[in-house]
N, C-alpha and C. Protein backbone atom coordinates (compact mmCIF):
# COMPACT_ATOMS: atom_id res chain seq x y z
N MET A 1 -36.48 -74.95 129.07
CA MET A 1 -36.18 -73.94 128.01
C MET A 1 -35.13 -74.40 126.99
N ASP A 2 -34.01 -74.89 127.65
CA ASP A 2 -32.96 -75.38 126.83
C ASP A 2 -33.37 -76.61 125.99
N THR A 3 -34.14 -77.46 126.50
CA THR A 3 -34.71 -78.61 125.81
C THR A 3 -35.54 -78.13 124.60
N GLN A 4 -36.38 -77.08 124.78
CA GLN A 4 -37.16 -76.55 123.68
C GLN A 4 -36.26 -76.04 122.58
N ILE A 5 -35.26 -75.30 123.00
CA ILE A 5 -34.38 -74.66 121.98
C ILE A 5 -33.63 -75.76 121.21
N SER A 6 -33.25 -76.78 121.99
CA SER A 6 -32.57 -77.98 121.30
C SER A 6 -33.42 -78.61 120.30
N PHE A 7 -34.70 -78.73 120.76
CA PHE A 7 -35.69 -79.40 119.77
C PHE A 7 -35.76 -78.63 118.53
N TRP A 8 -35.93 -77.31 118.56
CA TRP A 8 -36.14 -76.53 117.35
C TRP A 8 -34.82 -76.50 116.58
N LYS A 9 -33.69 -76.54 117.22
CA LYS A 9 -32.43 -76.56 116.45
C LYS A 9 -32.35 -77.83 115.60
N LYS A 10 -32.81 -78.97 116.26
CA LYS A 10 -32.78 -80.27 115.49
C LYS A 10 -33.78 -80.22 114.33
N ILE A 11 -34.90 -79.58 114.56
CA ILE A 11 -35.97 -79.48 113.54
C ILE A 11 -35.42 -78.66 112.32
N LEU A 12 -34.76 -77.54 112.62
CA LEU A 12 -34.15 -76.74 111.60
C LEU A 12 -32.94 -77.28 110.92
N ASN A 13 -32.20 -78.04 111.75
CA ASN A 13 -30.93 -78.64 111.17
C ASN A 13 -30.71 -79.98 111.84
N PRO A 14 -31.26 -81.07 111.29
CA PRO A 14 -31.11 -82.43 111.80
C PRO A 14 -29.76 -82.94 111.64
N PHE A 15 -28.89 -82.22 110.75
CA PHE A 15 -27.61 -82.72 110.42
C PHE A 15 -26.50 -82.38 111.52
N ILE A 16 -26.97 -81.71 112.56
CA ILE A 16 -26.21 -81.61 113.75
C ILE A 16 -25.84 -82.98 114.31
N GLN A 17 -26.85 -83.92 114.16
CA GLN A 17 -26.65 -85.18 114.81
C GLN A 17 -26.58 -86.31 113.79
N ILE A 18 -27.01 -86.18 112.54
CA ILE A 18 -27.03 -87.25 111.61
C ILE A 18 -26.38 -86.91 110.30
N ALA A 19 -25.60 -87.79 109.78
CA ALA A 19 -24.96 -87.57 108.46
C ALA A 19 -24.46 -88.93 108.04
N GLY A 20 -23.72 -89.01 106.93
CA GLY A 20 -23.06 -90.23 106.47
C GLY A 20 -24.04 -91.36 106.21
N ILE A 21 -23.67 -92.58 106.59
CA ILE A 21 -24.48 -93.74 106.27
C ILE A 21 -25.79 -93.74 106.92
N PRO A 22 -25.96 -93.33 108.23
CA PRO A 22 -27.28 -93.31 108.79
C PRO A 22 -28.22 -92.34 108.05
N ALA A 23 -27.68 -91.18 107.71
CA ALA A 23 -28.54 -90.18 106.98
C ALA A 23 -28.98 -90.82 105.57
N LEU A 24 -27.99 -91.53 104.96
CA LEU A 24 -28.29 -92.20 103.68
C LEU A 24 -29.37 -93.31 103.83
N ILE A 25 -29.29 -94.03 104.87
CA ILE A 25 -30.29 -95.12 105.01
C ILE A 25 -31.70 -94.52 105.29
N TYR A 26 -31.77 -93.60 106.24
CA TYR A 26 -33.03 -92.97 106.54
C TYR A 26 -33.59 -92.21 105.29
N GLY A 27 -32.67 -91.43 104.59
CA GLY A 27 -33.12 -90.70 103.50
C GLY A 27 -33.52 -91.58 102.29
N PHE A 28 -32.81 -92.68 102.01
CA PHE A 28 -33.21 -93.57 100.98
C PHE A 28 -34.54 -94.21 101.23
N ALA A 29 -34.73 -94.62 102.45
CA ALA A 29 -36.02 -95.13 102.89
C ALA A 29 -37.06 -94.19 102.69
N GLY A 30 -36.87 -92.92 103.06
CA GLY A 30 -37.90 -91.89 102.81
C GLY A 30 -38.19 -91.67 101.32
N VAL A 31 -37.13 -91.71 100.51
CA VAL A 31 -37.34 -91.61 99.01
C VAL A 31 -38.22 -92.77 98.55
N CYS A 32 -37.90 -93.94 99.03
CA CYS A 32 -38.74 -95.16 98.59
C CYS A 32 -40.17 -95.00 98.98
N ILE A 33 -40.42 -94.57 100.20
CA ILE A 33 -41.81 -94.33 100.72
C ILE A 33 -42.54 -93.28 99.89
N THR A 34 -41.84 -92.21 99.57
CA THR A 34 -42.46 -91.19 98.83
C THR A 34 -42.75 -91.63 97.37
N ILE A 35 -41.94 -92.49 96.77
CA ILE A 35 -42.19 -93.05 95.48
C ILE A 35 -43.48 -93.81 95.46
N VAL A 36 -43.56 -94.72 96.51
CA VAL A 36 -44.76 -95.59 96.58
C VAL A 36 -46.06 -94.72 96.81
N LEU A 37 -45.92 -93.83 97.66
CA LEU A 37 -47.14 -92.97 97.97
C LEU A 37 -47.52 -92.11 96.71
N SER A 38 -46.57 -91.62 96.03
CA SER A 38 -46.82 -90.83 94.82
C SER A 38 -47.42 -91.75 93.74
N TRP A 39 -46.94 -92.95 93.61
CA TRP A 39 -47.52 -93.86 92.65
C TRP A 39 -48.92 -94.22 92.95
N ILE A 40 -49.25 -94.38 94.22
CA ILE A 40 -50.67 -94.70 94.58
C ILE A 40 -51.65 -93.48 94.37
N THR A 41 -51.17 -92.28 94.67
CA THR A 41 -52.02 -91.13 94.53
C THR A 41 -51.91 -90.42 93.17
N GLY A 42 -50.88 -90.73 92.41
CA GLY A 42 -50.67 -90.14 91.14
C GLY A 42 -50.07 -88.73 91.25
N LEU A 43 -49.44 -88.49 92.32
CA LEU A 43 -48.72 -87.19 92.44
C LEU A 43 -47.37 -87.25 91.74
N HIS A 44 -47.15 -86.40 90.83
CA HIS A 44 -45.82 -86.28 90.13
C HIS A 44 -44.99 -85.13 90.59
N PHE A 45 -43.70 -85.42 90.94
CA PHE A 45 -42.82 -84.27 91.18
C PHE A 45 -42.11 -83.99 89.87
N GLN A 46 -42.42 -82.93 89.29
CA GLN A 46 -41.99 -82.62 87.96
C GLN A 46 -40.60 -81.84 87.93
N GLY A 47 -40.09 -81.61 89.07
CA GLY A 47 -38.76 -80.93 89.26
C GLY A 47 -38.59 -80.73 90.73
N LEU A 48 -37.61 -80.02 91.16
CA LEU A 48 -37.37 -79.78 92.57
C LEU A 48 -38.51 -78.95 93.19
N LEU A 49 -39.08 -78.04 92.36
CA LEU A 49 -40.02 -77.14 92.92
C LEU A 49 -41.41 -77.22 92.22
N HIS A 50 -41.68 -78.41 91.59
CA HIS A 50 -42.86 -78.47 90.85
C HIS A 50 -43.57 -79.76 91.07
N MET A 51 -44.89 -79.73 91.19
CA MET A 51 -45.75 -80.96 91.41
C MET A 51 -47.00 -80.85 90.48
N GLY A 52 -47.58 -81.96 90.15
CA GLY A 52 -48.87 -81.87 89.39
C GLY A 52 -49.11 -83.19 88.64
N TRP A 53 -49.78 -83.02 87.47
CA TRP A 53 -50.19 -84.15 86.66
C TRP A 53 -49.12 -84.43 85.62
N ALA A 54 -49.09 -85.66 85.17
CA ALA A 54 -48.15 -86.02 84.13
C ALA A 54 -48.81 -87.06 83.12
N PRO A 55 -48.28 -87.12 81.91
CA PRO A 55 -48.92 -88.03 80.94
C PRO A 55 -48.57 -89.48 81.18
N SER A 56 -47.74 -89.87 82.04
CA SER A 56 -47.38 -91.23 82.31
C SER A 56 -47.49 -91.53 83.79
N ASN A 57 -48.15 -92.64 84.11
CA ASN A 57 -48.31 -93.12 85.45
C ASN A 57 -47.70 -94.45 85.76
N THR A 58 -46.69 -94.80 84.98
CA THR A 58 -46.06 -96.09 85.28
C THR A 58 -45.11 -95.95 86.50
N PHE A 59 -44.89 -97.08 87.11
CA PHE A 59 -44.06 -97.01 88.35
C PHE A 59 -42.70 -96.52 88.05
N THR A 60 -42.13 -96.90 86.88
CA THR A 60 -40.80 -96.43 86.47
C THR A 60 -40.72 -94.92 86.35
N THR A 61 -41.87 -94.25 85.98
CA THR A 61 -41.91 -92.82 85.87
C THR A 61 -41.73 -92.23 87.23
N PHE A 62 -42.47 -92.72 88.25
CA PHE A 62 -42.31 -92.15 89.63
C PHE A 62 -40.97 -92.39 90.16
N LEU A 63 -40.48 -93.63 89.86
CA LEU A 63 -39.13 -93.94 90.35
C LEU A 63 -38.08 -92.96 89.76
N GLY A 64 -38.21 -92.79 88.46
CA GLY A 64 -37.26 -91.88 87.78
C GLY A 64 -37.38 -90.46 88.26
N GLU A 65 -38.58 -89.99 88.50
CA GLU A 65 -38.77 -88.61 89.01
C GLU A 65 -38.02 -88.35 90.32
N HIS A 66 -38.11 -89.34 91.22
CA HIS A 66 -37.64 -89.13 92.56
C HIS A 66 -36.09 -89.39 92.59
N LEU A 67 -35.64 -90.25 91.74
CA LEU A 67 -34.16 -90.38 91.61
C LEU A 67 -33.56 -89.08 91.14
N ILE A 68 -34.20 -88.47 90.17
CA ILE A 68 -33.69 -87.19 89.60
C ILE A 68 -33.72 -86.08 90.53
N ILE A 69 -34.86 -85.89 91.28
CA ILE A 69 -34.86 -84.82 92.24
C ILE A 69 -34.03 -84.98 93.49
N TRP A 70 -33.58 -86.24 93.67
CA TRP A 70 -32.63 -86.50 94.67
C TRP A 70 -31.17 -86.39 94.20
N LEU A 71 -30.82 -87.00 93.14
CA LEU A 71 -29.51 -87.07 92.65
C LEU A 71 -28.93 -85.73 92.03
N ILE A 72 -29.80 -85.11 91.34
CA ILE A 72 -29.38 -83.86 90.64
C ILE A 72 -28.86 -82.81 91.66
N PRO A 73 -29.67 -82.46 92.68
CA PRO A 73 -29.10 -81.52 93.58
C PRO A 73 -27.99 -82.04 94.43
N ALA A 74 -27.96 -83.34 94.75
CA ALA A 74 -26.82 -83.94 95.46
C ALA A 74 -25.53 -83.79 94.72
N LEU A 75 -25.60 -84.08 93.47
CA LEU A 75 -24.42 -84.01 92.60
C LEU A 75 -23.94 -82.59 92.44
N LEU A 76 -24.93 -81.68 92.29
CA LEU A 76 -24.49 -80.20 92.22
C LEU A 76 -23.99 -79.65 93.55
N PHE A 77 -24.49 -80.15 94.57
CA PHE A 77 -23.93 -79.81 95.95
C PHE A 77 -22.47 -80.31 96.02
N TYR A 78 -22.31 -81.57 95.61
CA TYR A 78 -20.95 -82.22 95.71
C TYR A 78 -19.97 -81.40 94.81
N THR A 79 -20.40 -81.07 93.56
CA THR A 79 -19.51 -80.30 92.71
C THR A 79 -19.16 -78.90 93.32
N SER A 80 -20.26 -78.29 93.85
CA SER A 80 -20.00 -76.97 94.49
C SER A 80 -19.03 -77.06 95.58
N GLY A 81 -19.07 -78.18 96.38
CA GLY A 81 -18.16 -78.33 97.48
C GLY A 81 -16.80 -78.50 97.05
N LEU A 82 -16.61 -79.33 95.96
CA LEU A 82 -15.28 -79.54 95.44
C LEU A 82 -14.64 -78.23 94.93
N LEU A 83 -15.46 -77.44 94.30
CA LEU A 83 -14.97 -76.11 93.73
C LEU A 83 -14.78 -75.03 94.74
N LEU A 84 -15.61 -74.98 95.76
CA LEU A 84 -15.65 -73.76 96.61
C LEU A 84 -15.16 -74.07 98.03
N SER A 85 -15.13 -75.32 98.39
CA SER A 85 -14.71 -75.52 99.80
C SER A 85 -13.25 -76.03 99.92
N HIS A 86 -12.63 -75.73 100.97
CA HIS A 86 -11.27 -76.16 101.30
C HIS A 86 -11.27 -77.45 102.06
N SER A 87 -12.49 -77.95 102.47
CA SER A 87 -12.59 -79.18 103.26
C SER A 87 -12.63 -80.38 102.39
N ARG A 88 -12.47 -81.50 102.94
CA ARG A 88 -12.62 -82.83 102.28
C ARG A 88 -14.09 -83.16 102.20
N ILE A 89 -14.60 -83.29 100.95
CA ILE A 89 -16.02 -83.56 100.82
C ILE A 89 -16.26 -85.06 100.55
N ARG A 90 -17.12 -85.67 101.31
CA ARG A 90 -17.51 -87.16 101.16
C ARG A 90 -18.83 -87.23 100.42
N ILE A 91 -18.80 -87.98 99.32
CA ILE A 91 -20.00 -88.06 98.46
C ILE A 91 -21.11 -88.75 99.32
N VAL A 92 -20.77 -89.70 100.23
CA VAL A 92 -21.75 -90.39 100.98
C VAL A 92 -22.50 -89.45 101.90
N ASP A 93 -21.79 -88.36 102.40
CA ASP A 93 -22.39 -87.38 103.31
C ASP A 93 -23.41 -86.58 102.51
N VAL A 94 -23.02 -86.19 101.33
CA VAL A 94 -23.85 -85.29 100.43
C VAL A 94 -25.09 -86.06 99.94
N LEU A 95 -24.91 -87.26 99.51
CA LEU A 95 -26.02 -88.08 99.11
C LEU A 95 -26.97 -88.37 100.29
N GLY A 96 -26.47 -88.71 101.41
CA GLY A 96 -27.31 -89.04 102.54
C GLY A 96 -28.08 -87.85 103.04
N THR A 97 -27.43 -86.76 103.23
CA THR A 97 -28.12 -85.57 103.84
C THR A 97 -29.18 -84.99 102.77
N THR A 98 -28.77 -85.03 101.56
CA THR A 98 -29.70 -84.60 100.49
C THR A 98 -31.02 -85.48 100.45
N ALA A 99 -30.77 -86.72 100.59
CA ALA A 99 -31.99 -87.69 100.62
C ALA A 99 -32.71 -87.45 101.86
N PHE A 100 -31.99 -87.25 103.02
CA PHE A 100 -32.74 -87.04 104.24
C PHE A 100 -33.52 -85.80 104.28
N ALA A 101 -32.97 -84.76 103.59
CA ALA A 101 -33.63 -83.44 103.51
C ALA A 101 -34.98 -83.55 102.82
N GLN A 102 -35.24 -84.59 102.04
CA GLN A 102 -36.50 -84.71 101.30
C GLN A 102 -37.51 -85.55 102.05
N LEU A 103 -37.26 -85.82 103.33
CA LEU A 103 -38.24 -86.62 104.13
C LEU A 103 -39.58 -85.85 104.24
N PRO A 104 -39.61 -84.51 104.38
CA PRO A 104 -40.88 -83.82 104.44
C PRO A 104 -41.84 -84.00 103.27
N LEU A 105 -41.16 -84.43 102.18
CA LEU A 105 -42.04 -84.68 100.92
C LEU A 105 -42.97 -85.84 101.17
N ILE A 106 -42.65 -86.65 102.14
CA ILE A 106 -43.62 -87.75 102.45
C ILE A 106 -44.99 -87.22 102.92
N ALA A 107 -44.94 -86.12 103.66
CA ALA A 107 -46.16 -85.49 104.17
C ALA A 107 -46.93 -84.91 103.01
N THR A 108 -46.20 -84.31 102.01
CA THR A 108 -46.89 -83.80 100.77
C THR A 108 -47.62 -84.88 100.01
N ALA A 109 -46.90 -86.04 99.92
CA ALA A 109 -47.53 -87.18 99.20
C ALA A 109 -48.72 -87.74 100.01
N LEU A 110 -48.64 -87.70 101.30
CA LEU A 110 -49.77 -88.14 102.12
C LEU A 110 -50.98 -87.25 101.98
N LEU A 111 -50.79 -86.00 101.84
CA LEU A 111 -51.87 -85.03 101.66
C LEU A 111 -52.65 -85.36 100.38
N CYS A 112 -52.03 -85.98 99.41
CA CYS A 112 -52.67 -86.29 98.11
C CYS A 112 -53.62 -87.42 98.21
N PHE A 113 -53.78 -88.08 99.38
CA PHE A 113 -54.74 -89.05 99.59
C PHE A 113 -56.15 -88.33 99.73
N CYS A 114 -56.13 -87.04 100.06
CA CYS A 114 -57.36 -86.33 100.19
C CYS A 114 -58.01 -85.99 98.79
N LYS A 115 -59.20 -86.35 98.67
CA LYS A 115 -59.86 -86.26 97.36
C LYS A 115 -59.85 -84.89 96.78
N PRO A 116 -60.14 -83.77 97.55
CA PRO A 116 -60.05 -82.48 96.90
C PRO A 116 -58.76 -82.14 96.26
N LEU A 117 -57.65 -82.52 96.88
CA LEU A 117 -56.31 -82.21 96.35
C LEU A 117 -56.11 -83.15 95.16
N GLN A 118 -56.55 -84.42 95.17
CA GLN A 118 -56.57 -85.32 94.05
C GLN A 118 -57.22 -84.69 92.76
N THR A 119 -58.45 -84.14 93.04
CA THR A 119 -59.27 -83.54 92.07
C THR A 119 -58.41 -82.37 91.37
N LEU A 120 -57.86 -81.56 92.21
CA LEU A 120 -57.11 -80.38 91.67
C LEU A 120 -55.88 -80.78 90.87
N ILE A 121 -55.15 -81.81 91.41
CA ILE A 121 -53.93 -82.18 90.67
C ILE A 121 -54.26 -82.77 89.35
N HIS A 122 -55.32 -83.54 89.29
CA HIS A 122 -55.64 -84.27 88.01
C HIS A 122 -56.56 -83.54 87.09
N ALA A 123 -56.78 -82.30 87.39
CA ALA A 123 -57.65 -81.46 86.53
C ALA A 123 -57.09 -81.22 85.23
N THR A 124 -57.86 -81.26 84.12
CA THR A 124 -57.37 -80.95 82.76
C THR A 124 -57.84 -79.50 82.46
N PRO A 125 -57.29 -78.95 81.39
CA PRO A 125 -57.69 -77.53 81.05
C PRO A 125 -59.15 -77.42 80.81
N GLN A 126 -59.77 -78.49 80.25
CA GLN A 126 -61.22 -78.47 80.03
C GLN A 126 -62.09 -78.37 81.30
N ASP A 127 -61.45 -78.86 82.40
CA ASP A 127 -62.26 -78.83 83.69
C ASP A 127 -62.33 -77.41 84.31
N ILE A 128 -61.34 -76.49 83.90
CA ILE A 128 -61.23 -75.29 84.56
C ILE A 128 -62.23 -74.22 84.09
N THR A 129 -63.27 -74.00 84.92
CA THR A 129 -64.22 -73.00 84.73
C THR A 129 -64.39 -72.13 85.90
N ILE A 130 -65.06 -71.04 85.84
CA ILE A 130 -65.38 -70.22 87.03
C ILE A 130 -66.09 -71.01 88.12
N GLU A 131 -67.07 -71.74 87.70
CA GLU A 131 -67.93 -72.58 88.62
C GLU A 131 -67.00 -73.61 89.27
N TRP A 132 -66.17 -74.24 88.50
CA TRP A 132 -65.26 -75.28 89.04
C TRP A 132 -64.29 -74.67 90.06
N LEU A 133 -63.74 -73.48 89.75
CA LEU A 133 -62.74 -72.89 90.68
C LEU A 133 -63.40 -72.49 91.94
N ASN A 134 -64.68 -72.04 91.86
CA ASN A 134 -65.34 -71.59 93.08
C ASN A 134 -66.11 -72.67 93.88
N SER A 135 -65.94 -73.98 93.39
CA SER A 135 -66.61 -75.06 94.13
C SER A 135 -65.79 -75.32 95.41
N PRO A 136 -66.67 -75.77 96.48
CA PRO A 136 -65.98 -76.07 97.81
C PRO A 136 -64.86 -77.07 97.65
N GLU A 137 -64.99 -78.16 96.78
CA GLU A 137 -63.98 -79.16 96.69
C GLU A 137 -62.69 -78.56 96.25
N ILE A 138 -62.74 -77.74 95.22
CA ILE A 138 -61.52 -77.12 94.63
C ILE A 138 -60.89 -76.09 95.58
N MET A 139 -61.75 -75.38 96.30
CA MET A 139 -61.22 -74.47 97.31
C MET A 139 -60.45 -75.18 98.43
N THR A 140 -61.06 -76.38 98.81
CA THR A 140 -60.41 -77.14 99.78
C THR A 140 -59.09 -77.70 99.26
N GLY A 141 -59.13 -78.15 98.03
CA GLY A 141 -57.95 -78.63 97.36
C GLY A 141 -56.84 -77.59 97.34
N ALA A 142 -57.22 -76.36 96.99
CA ALA A 142 -56.23 -75.28 97.02
C ALA A 142 -55.65 -75.01 98.31
N PHE A 143 -56.45 -75.14 99.40
CA PHE A 143 -55.95 -74.94 100.73
C PHE A 143 -54.93 -76.12 101.07
N LEU A 144 -55.27 -77.28 100.71
CA LEU A 144 -54.38 -78.38 100.98
C LEU A 144 -53.10 -78.23 100.15
N ALA A 145 -53.17 -77.76 98.98
CA ALA A 145 -51.97 -77.46 98.17
C ALA A 145 -51.11 -76.46 98.85
N LEU A 146 -51.76 -75.47 99.40
CA LEU A 146 -50.97 -74.41 100.20
C LEU A 146 -50.20 -75.06 101.34
N ILE A 147 -50.93 -75.93 102.02
CA ILE A 147 -50.27 -76.64 103.21
C ILE A 147 -49.05 -77.45 102.71
N SER A 148 -49.25 -78.11 101.51
CA SER A 148 -48.12 -78.95 101.00
C SER A 148 -46.92 -78.11 100.72
N THR A 149 -47.08 -76.82 100.38
CA THR A 149 -45.90 -76.01 100.05
C THR A 149 -45.06 -75.80 101.32
N VAL A 150 -45.72 -75.87 102.51
CA VAL A 150 -44.94 -75.80 103.79
C VAL A 150 -43.84 -76.86 103.86
N PHE A 151 -44.26 -78.06 103.47
CA PHE A 151 -43.30 -79.23 103.45
C PHE A 151 -42.21 -79.10 102.38
N ILE A 152 -42.56 -78.48 101.34
CA ILE A 152 -41.53 -78.19 100.23
C ILE A 152 -40.53 -77.24 100.76
N VAL A 153 -41.05 -76.10 101.45
CA VAL A 153 -40.11 -75.10 101.98
C VAL A 153 -39.25 -75.74 103.07
N TRP A 154 -39.86 -76.63 103.84
CA TRP A 154 -39.12 -77.40 104.90
C TRP A 154 -37.99 -78.16 104.21
N THR A 155 -38.28 -78.85 103.13
CA THR A 155 -37.23 -79.55 102.45
C THR A 155 -36.16 -78.65 101.94
N LEU A 156 -36.50 -77.49 101.40
CA LEU A 156 -35.46 -76.57 100.89
C LEU A 156 -34.54 -76.03 102.06
N ILE A 157 -35.22 -75.84 103.20
CA ILE A 157 -34.37 -75.40 104.36
C ILE A 157 -33.39 -76.51 104.77
N TRP A 158 -33.86 -77.76 104.78
CA TRP A 158 -33.04 -78.84 105.17
C TRP A 158 -31.93 -79.05 104.07
N MET A 159 -32.23 -78.82 102.83
CA MET A 159 -31.18 -78.99 101.78
C MET A 159 -30.13 -77.91 101.93
N PHE A 160 -30.53 -76.69 102.37
CA PHE A 160 -29.56 -75.64 102.59
C PHE A 160 -28.65 -76.08 103.72
N LYS A 161 -29.24 -76.59 104.82
CA LYS A 161 -28.38 -77.07 105.93
C LYS A 161 -27.46 -78.24 105.50
N ALA A 162 -28.00 -79.09 104.63
CA ALA A 162 -27.23 -80.22 104.14
C ALA A 162 -26.02 -79.77 103.41
N LEU A 163 -26.20 -78.80 102.56
CA LEU A 163 -25.05 -78.20 101.79
C LEU A 163 -24.02 -77.57 102.73
N LYS A 164 -24.53 -76.76 103.65
CA LYS A 164 -23.72 -76.04 104.59
C LYS A 164 -22.90 -76.99 105.43
N VAL A 165 -23.44 -78.07 105.95
CA VAL A 165 -22.73 -78.97 106.83
C VAL A 165 -21.84 -79.90 106.08
N THR A 166 -22.29 -80.53 104.99
CA THR A 166 -21.46 -81.55 104.26
C THR A 166 -20.31 -80.91 103.50
N CYS A 167 -20.47 -79.63 103.00
CA CYS A 167 -19.40 -79.00 102.25
C CYS A 167 -18.67 -77.97 102.99
N ASN A 168 -19.10 -77.72 104.23
CA ASN A 168 -18.41 -76.70 105.13
C ASN A 168 -18.29 -75.34 104.31
N LEU A 169 -19.44 -74.83 103.85
CA LEU A 169 -19.44 -73.57 103.13
C LEU A 169 -20.11 -72.50 104.02
N LYS A 170 -19.74 -71.29 103.86
CA LYS A 170 -20.29 -70.13 104.66
C LYS A 170 -20.38 -68.93 103.76
N GLY A 171 -21.23 -68.00 104.21
CA GLY A 171 -21.27 -66.67 103.56
C GLY A 171 -21.65 -66.69 102.05
N ALA A 172 -20.95 -65.95 101.29
CA ALA A 172 -21.30 -65.82 99.86
C ALA A 172 -21.15 -67.07 99.05
N ARG A 173 -20.15 -67.84 99.38
CA ARG A 173 -19.93 -69.12 98.75
C ARG A 173 -21.06 -70.08 98.96
N LEU A 174 -21.57 -70.13 100.22
CA LEU A 174 -22.71 -70.96 100.49
C LEU A 174 -23.92 -70.51 99.72
N GLY A 175 -24.21 -69.16 99.72
CA GLY A 175 -25.39 -68.67 99.02
C GLY A 175 -25.33 -68.94 97.55
N ILE A 176 -24.15 -68.71 96.96
CA ILE A 176 -24.00 -68.91 95.49
C ILE A 176 -24.21 -70.38 95.16
N ALA A 177 -23.52 -71.24 95.93
CA ALA A 177 -23.56 -72.73 95.73
C ALA A 177 -25.04 -73.22 95.84
N TYR A 178 -25.82 -72.68 96.86
CA TYR A 178 -27.13 -73.13 97.07
C TYR A 178 -28.09 -72.62 95.95
N ALA A 179 -27.94 -71.36 95.62
CA ALA A 179 -28.76 -70.76 94.59
C ALA A 179 -28.60 -71.49 93.15
N VAL A 180 -27.27 -71.62 92.81
CA VAL A 180 -27.00 -72.34 91.54
C VAL A 180 -27.47 -73.73 91.58
N SER A 181 -27.22 -74.43 92.71
CA SER A 181 -27.66 -75.87 92.72
C SER A 181 -29.22 -76.07 92.73
N ILE A 182 -29.90 -75.18 93.38
CA ILE A 182 -31.39 -75.30 93.43
C ILE A 182 -32.02 -74.85 92.17
N ILE A 183 -31.64 -73.68 91.70
CA ILE A 183 -32.27 -73.04 90.43
C ILE A 183 -31.87 -73.86 89.21
N GLY A 184 -30.46 -74.11 89.17
CA GLY A 184 -29.91 -74.93 88.05
C GLY A 184 -30.48 -76.32 88.17
N GLY A 185 -30.45 -76.85 89.32
CA GLY A 185 -30.94 -78.22 89.53
C GLY A 185 -32.39 -78.41 89.10
N ASP A 186 -33.18 -77.37 89.44
CA ASP A 186 -34.63 -77.43 89.04
C ASP A 186 -34.78 -77.45 87.54
N ILE A 187 -34.11 -76.55 86.87
CA ILE A 187 -34.08 -76.56 85.44
C ILE A 187 -33.77 -77.78 84.76
N LEU A 188 -32.60 -78.33 85.23
CA LEU A 188 -32.08 -79.64 84.74
C LEU A 188 -33.08 -80.68 85.04
N ALA A 189 -33.59 -80.74 86.25
CA ALA A 189 -34.57 -81.82 86.59
C ALA A 189 -35.82 -81.83 85.75
N VAL A 190 -36.36 -80.58 85.57
CA VAL A 190 -37.61 -80.41 84.72
C VAL A 190 -37.28 -80.97 83.34
N TYR A 191 -36.12 -80.71 82.81
CA TYR A 191 -35.76 -81.14 81.41
C TYR A 191 -35.67 -82.65 81.39
N LEU A 192 -34.99 -83.22 82.36
CA LEU A 192 -34.80 -84.65 82.37
C LEU A 192 -36.12 -85.43 82.57
N ILE A 193 -36.92 -84.81 83.49
CA ILE A 193 -38.25 -85.51 83.78
C ILE A 193 -39.16 -85.39 82.61
N SER A 194 -39.16 -84.30 81.86
CA SER A 194 -39.94 -84.18 80.69
C SER A 194 -39.56 -85.15 79.58
N PHE A 195 -38.23 -85.40 79.52
CA PHE A 195 -37.74 -86.49 78.64
C PHE A 195 -38.19 -87.84 79.09
N LEU A 196 -38.18 -87.99 80.41
CA LEU A 196 -38.60 -89.31 81.01
C LEU A 196 -40.11 -89.57 80.63
N TYR A 197 -40.96 -88.51 80.65
CA TYR A 197 -42.32 -88.75 80.31
C TYR A 197 -42.51 -89.21 78.83
N LYS A 198 -41.58 -88.70 78.00
CA LYS A 198 -41.70 -89.06 76.52
C LYS A 198 -41.36 -90.54 76.33
N ILE A 199 -40.43 -91.03 77.08
CA ILE A 199 -40.00 -92.40 76.87
C ILE A 199 -40.87 -93.39 77.58
N ASN A 200 -41.71 -92.89 78.60
CA ASN A 200 -42.49 -93.79 79.38
C ASN A 200 -43.99 -93.67 79.01
N VAL A 201 -44.38 -92.93 78.05
CA VAL A 201 -45.84 -92.76 77.67
C VAL A 201 -46.24 -94.07 77.06
């Protein structure tokens, strides 16, 4: 029973055991894997909370997208820690745990190898009709998209834990820092990525 509890504790908060350089190494490797998988499948992360189609499919576009969705929240977490925490904040811990927290996105990218999800992601407005929406392929794609949100939620949970552990925040300060970093980070990431599309078209 204790082993089972310990397992779920590690699933919900891997930063009980890993941080600093090891987290950065594993996290950066995960970011690189997700970049390659996204490039192969054409899955674009258009912000912290957005996925879909984009007008540019160059490798530098996928690289830029993933650097943005990693570094923007990490820098906002770090800034929040400096402003709200009384502890010493190490940038390597914040960068490492934030990158590690995005490991579940590998599963999201892997799901995009399924043709129904590919069809859904790369659909244009002209494709969308009642018959198209009711087709078995699109319904399957929608189901797979729903599954992919589980891994996004998983990432958000780990990012919350990353902020809590690396910046030693609790209570209202933790909630405010997380909400501002994720919502503000998403807005900023969407803006920067949209600019990235313009220069990479």
